PDB file of N, CA and C in Angstrom:
ATOM      1  N   MET A   1     113.878 100.094  85.332  1.00  0.00           N
ATOM      2  CA  MET A   1     114.235  99.225  84.287  1.00  0.00           C
ATOM      3  C   MET A   1     113.160  98.342  83.691  1.00  0.00           C
ATOM      4  N   ARG A   2     113.005  98.283  82.372  1.00  0.00           N
ATOM      5  CA  ARG A   2     111.966  97.429  81.793  1.00  0.00           C
ATOM      6  C   ARG A   2     112.511  96.061  81.662  1.00  0.00           C
ATOM      7  N   LEU A   3     111.639  95.171  81.959  1.00  0.00           N
ATOM      8  CA  LEU A   3     112.103  93.627  81.806  1.00  0.00           C
ATOM      9  C   LEU A   3     111.188  92.919  80.809  1.00  0.00           C
ATOM     10  N   LEU A   4     111.835  91.969  80.128  1.00  0.00           N
ATOM     11  CA  LEU A   4     111.089  91.004  79.293  1.00  0.00           C
ATOM     12  C   LEU A   4     110.304  90.145  80.246  1.00  0.00           C
ATOM     13  N   LYS A   5     109.013  90.088  79.899  1.00  0.00           N
ATOM     14  CA  LYS A   5     108.013  89.313  80.763  1.00  0.00           C
ATOM     15  C   LYS A   5     107.788  87.941  80.036  1.00  0.00           C
ATOM     16  N   ARG A   6     107.855  88.036  78.727  1.00  0.00           N
ATOM     17  CA  ARG A   6     107.645  86.737  77.794  1.00  0.00           C
ATOM     18  C   ARG A   6     108.738  86.534  76.931  1.00  0.00           C
ATOM     19  N   CYS A   7     108.933  85.254  76.452  1.00  0.00           N
ATOM     20  CA  CYS A   7     110.069  84.840  75.648  1.00  0.00           C
ATOM     21  C   CYS A   7     109.719  85.520  74.283  1.00  0.00           C
ATOM     22  N   PRO A   8     110.663  86.076  73.547  1.00  0.00           N
ATOM     23  CA  PRO A   8     110.452  86.637  72.235  1.00  0.00           C
ATOM     24  C   PRO A   8     110.333  85.525  71.203  1.00  0.00           C
ATOM     25  N   ASN A   9     110.669  84.265  71.478  1.00  0.00           N
ATOM     26  CA  ASN A   9     110.564  83.212  70.497  1.00  0.00           C
ATOM     27  C   ASN A   9     109.229  82.591  70.521  1.00  0.00           C
ATOM     28  N   CYS A  10     108.757  82.190  71.726  1.00  0.00           N
ATOM     29  CA  CYS A  10     107.497  81.443  71.835  1.00  0.00           C
ATOM     30  C   CYS A  10     106.429  82.098  72.648  1.00  0.00           C
ATOM     31  N   HIS A  11     106.689  83.212  73.242  1.00  0.00           N
ATOM     32  CA  HIS A  11     105.722  84.026  74.037  1.00  0.00           C
ATOM     33  C   HIS A  11     105.265  83.378  75.386  1.00  0.00           C
ATOM     34  N   THR A  12     106.078  82.499  75.870  1.00  0.00           N
ATOM     35  CA  THR A  12     105.762  81.849  77.169  1.00  0.00           C
ATOM     36  C   THR A  12     106.372  82.738  78.212  1.00  0.00           C
ATOM     37  N   ARG A  13     105.735  82.733  79.410  1.00  0.00           N
ATOM     38  CA  ARG A  13     106.361  83.535  80.487  1.00  0.00           C
ATOM     39  C   ARG A  13     107.698  83.027  80.876  1.00  0.00           C
ATOM     40  N   PHE A  14     108.631  83.890  81.209  1.00  0.00           N
ATOM     41  CA  PHE A  14     109.986  83.582  81.693  1.00  0.00           C
ATOM     42  C   PHE A  14     109.943  83.081  83.097  1.00  0.00           C
ATOM     43  N   LYS A  15     110.887  82.231  83.480  1.00  0.00           N
ATOM     44  CA  LYS A  15     111.148  81.830  84.870  1.00  0.00           C
ATOM     45  C   LYS A  15     112.444  82.496  85.193  1.00  0.00           C
ATOM     46  N   THR A  16     112.421  83.196  86.361  1.00  0.00           N
ATOM     47  CA  THR A  16     113.624  83.893  86.845  1.00  0.00           C
ATOM     48  C   THR A  16     114.387  82.923  87.646  1.00  0.00           C
ATOM     49  N   CYS A  17     115.648  82.755  87.347  1.00  0.00           N
ATOM     50  CA  CYS A  17     116.562  81.862  88.106  1.00  0.00           C
ATOM     51  C   CYS A  17     117.623  82.589  88.789  1.00  0.00           C
ATOM     52  N   GLU A  18     118.461  81.900  89.617  1.00  0.00           N
ATOM     53  CA  GLU A  18     119.594  82.490  90.271  1.00  0.00           C
ATOM     54  C   GLU A  18     120.519  83.295  89.280  1.00  0.00           C
ATOM     55  N   ASN A  19     121.157  84.214  89.867  1.00  0.00           N
ATOM     56  CA  ASN A  19     122.231  85.129  89.102  1.00  0.00           C
ATOM     57  C   ASN A  19     121.479  85.984  88.073  1.00  0.00           C
ATOM     58  N   ASP A  20     120.200  86.307  88.421  1.00  0.00           N
ATOM     59  CA  ASP A  20     119.399  87.216  87.458  1.00  0.00           C
ATOM     60  C   ASP A  20     119.294  86.795  86.060  1.00  0.00           C
ATOM     61  N   MET A  21     119.121  85.445  85.890  1.00  0.00           N
ATOM     62  CA  MET A  21     118.882  84.856  84.639  1.00  0.00           C
ATOM     63  C   MET A  21     117.439  84.570  84.397  1.00  0.00           C
ATOM     64  N   GLN A  22     116.882  84.848  83.162  1.00  0.00           N
ATOM     65  CA  GLN A  22     115.491  84.524  82.888  1.00  0.00           C
ATOM     66  C   GLN A  22     115.685  83.372  81.831  1.00  0.00           C
ATOM     67  N   VAL A  23     114.901  82.315  82.041  1.00  0.00           N
ATOM     68  CA  VAL A  23     114.883  81.185  81.055  1.00  0.00           C
ATOM     69  C   VAL A  23     113.496  80.862  80.745  1.00  0.00           C
ATOM     70  N   CYS A  24     113.288  80.493  79.409  1.00  0.00           N
ATOM     71  CA  CYS A  24     112.028  79.996  78.934  1.00  0.00           C
ATOM     72  C   CYS A  24     112.040  78.459  79.102  1.00  0.00           C
ATOM     73  N   LYS A  25     111.141  77.904  79.751  1.00  0.00           N
ATOM     74  CA  LYS A  25     111.130  76.528  79.978  1.00  0.00           C
ATOM     75  C   LYS A  25     110.654  75.680  78.813  1.00  0.00           C
ATOM     76  N   VAL A  26     110.055  76.424  77.869  1.00  0.00           N
ATOM     77  CA  VAL A  26     109.450  75.690  76.596  1.00  0.00           C
ATOM     78  C   VAL A  26     110.494  75.600  75.522  1.00  0.00           C
ATOM     79  N   CYS A  27     111.158  76.652  75.216  1.00  0.00           N
ATOM     80  CA  CYS A  27     112.100  76.692  74.009  1.00  0.00           C
ATOM     81  C   CYS A  27     113.552  76.743  74.494  1.00  0.00           C
ATOM     82  N   GLY A  28     113.858  77.116  75.646  1.00  0.00           N
ATOM     83  CA  GLY A  28     115.275  77.218  76.125  1.00  0.00           C
ATOM     84  C   GLY A  28     115.813  78.528  75.989  1.00  0.00           C
ATOM     85  N   TYR A  29     115.130  79.564  75.486  1.00  0.00           N
ATOM     86  CA  TYR A  29     115.722  80.925  75.293  1.00  0.00           C
ATOM     87  C   TYR A  29     116.147  81.330  76.631  1.00  0.00           C
ATOM     88  N   TRP A  30     117.251  82.058  76.743  1.00  0.00           N
ATOM     89  CA  TRP A  30     117.770  82.507  78.115  1.00  0.00           C
ATOM     90  C   TRP A  30     118.313  83.939  77.791  1.00  0.00           C
ATOM     91  N   THR A  31     118.272  84.727  78.912  1.00  0.00           N
ATOM     92  CA  THR A  31     118.890  86.061  78.881  1.00  0.00           C
ATOM     93  C   THR A  31     119.172  86.549  80.217  1.00  0.00           C
ATOM     94  N   LYS A  32     119.973  87.476  80.340  1.00  0.00           N
ATOM     95  CA  LYS A  32     120.289  88.063  81.722  1.00  0.00           C
ATOM     96  C   LYS A  32     119.087  89.074  82.083  1.00  0.00           C
ATOM     97  N   ARG A  33     118.711  89.036  83.140  1.00  0.00           N
ATOM     98  CA  ARG A  33     117.552  89.823  83.508  1.00  0.00           C
ATOM     99  C   ARG A  33     117.794  91.414  83.179  1.00  0.00           C
ATOM    100  N   GLY A  34     116.896  92.010  82.475  1.00  0.00           N
ATOM    101  CA  GLY A  34     117.084  93.466  82.049  1.00  0.00           C
ATOM    102  C   GLY A  34     117.768  93.696  80.760  1.00  0.00           C
ATOM    103  N   THR A  35     118.101  92.450  80.097  1.00  0.00           N
ATOM    104  CA  THR A  35     118.589  92.536  78.708  1.00  0.00           C
ATOM    105  C   THR A  35     117.870  91.616  77.781  1.00  0.00           C
ATOM    106  N   ALA A  36     118.267  91.636  76.468  1.00  0.00           N
ATOM    107  CA  ALA A  36     117.700  90.664  75.602  1.00  0.00           C
ATOM    108  C   ALA A  36     118.742  90.155  74.628  1.00  0.00           C
ATOM    109  N   ARG A  37     118.799  88.910  74.338  1.00  0.00           N
ATOM    110  CA  ARG A  37     119.747  88.406  73.388  1.00  0.00           C
ATOM    111  C   ARG A  37     119.077  88.456  71.967  1.00  0.00           C
ATOM    112  N   LEU A  38     119.741  89.022  71.031  1.00  0.00           N
ATOM    113  CA  LEU A  38     119.125  89.274  69.766  1.00  0.00           C
ATOM    114  C   LEU A  38     119.582  88.194  68.725  1.00  0.00           C
ATOM    115  N   GLU A  39     120.578  87.351  69.052  1.00  0.00           N
ATOM    116  CA  GLU A  39     121.073  86.315  68.107  1.00  0.00           C
ATOM    117  C   GLU A  39     119.918  85.426  67.571  1.00  0.00           C
ATOM    118  N   PRO A  40     119.129  84.839  68.313  1.00  0.00           N
ATOM    119  CA  PRO A  40     118.070  83.939  67.865  1.00  0.00           C
ATOM    120  C   PRO A  40     117.111  84.774  66.857  1.00  0.00           C
ATOM    121  N   LEU A  41     116.767  86.045  67.305  1.00  0.00           N
ATOM    122  CA  LEU A  41     115.812  86.696  66.418  1.00  0.00           C
ATOM    123  C   LEU A  41     116.444  87.074  65.129  1.00  0.00           C
ATOM    124  N   VAL A  42     117.773  87.451  65.192  1.00  0.00           N
ATOM    125  CA  VAL A  42     118.400  87.840  63.878  1.00  0.00           C
ATOM    126  C   VAL A  42     118.540  86.576  62.985  1.00  0.00           C
ATOM    127  N   LEU A  43     118.915  85.474  63.503  1.00  0.00           N
ATOM    128  CA  LEU A  43     119.044  84.255  62.790  1.00  0.00           C
ATOM    129  C   LEU A  43     117.695  83.956  62.121  1.00  0.00           C
ATOM    130  N   TYR A  44     116.566  84.026  62.929  1.00  0.00           N
ATOM    131  CA  TYR A  44     115.300  83.727  62.412  1.00  0.00           C
ATOM    132  C   TYR A  44     114.922  84.632  61.209  1.00  0.00           C
ATOM    133  N   ASP A  45     115.160  85.907  61.417  1.00  0.00           N
ATOM    134  CA  ASP A  45     114.908  86.905  60.314  1.00  0.00           C
ATOM    135  C   ASP A  45     115.677  86.548  59.099  1.00  0.00           C
ATOM    136  N   SER A  46     116.920  86.203  59.233  1.00  0.00           N
ATOM    137  CA  SER A  46     117.677  85.903  58.050  1.00  0.00           C
ATOM    138  C   SER A  46     117.244  84.598  57.368  1.00  0.00           C
ATOM    139  N   VAL A  47     116.773  83.706  58.152  1.00  0.00           N
ATOM    140  CA  VAL A  47     116.173  82.416  57.470  1.00  0.00           C
ATOM    141  C   VAL A  47     114.887  82.732  56.759  1.00  0.00           C
ATOM    142  N   VAL A  48     113.986  83.543  57.237  1.00  0.00           N
ATOM    143  CA  VAL A  48     112.739  83.930  56.632  1.00  0.00           C
ATOM    144  C   VAL A  48     112.990  84.766  55.477  1.00  0.00           C
ATOM    145  N   LEU A  49     113.963  85.601  55.539  1.00  0.00           N
ATOM    146  CA  LEU A  49     114.287  86.524  54.244  1.00  0.00           C
ATOM    147  C   LEU A  49     114.791  85.653  53.163  1.00  0.00           C
ATOM    148  N   GLU A  50     115.507  84.572  53.471  1.00  0.00           N
ATOM    149  CA  GLU A  50     116.057  83.709  52.365  1.00  0.00           C
ATOM    150  C   GLU A  50     114.966  82.826  51.615  1.00  0.00           C
ATOM    151  N   GLU A  51     113.890  82.642  52.265  1.00  0.00           N
ATOM    152  CA  GLU A  51     112.797  81.903  51.642  1.00  0.00           C
ATOM    153  C   GLU A  51     112.162  82.669  50.566  1.00  0.00           C
TER     154      GLU A  51
END
């Protein structure tokens, strides 16, 4: 299984917490280990496209 090693928002290394959660200490992005949440990336893209 491939894992995210860096936050897709700010590119900081993830901290792995209990319950297989990965958390970015800089921006607060979180995801379950082995997955990626796309909501922040989709929202960012939609804001950029509107400008």
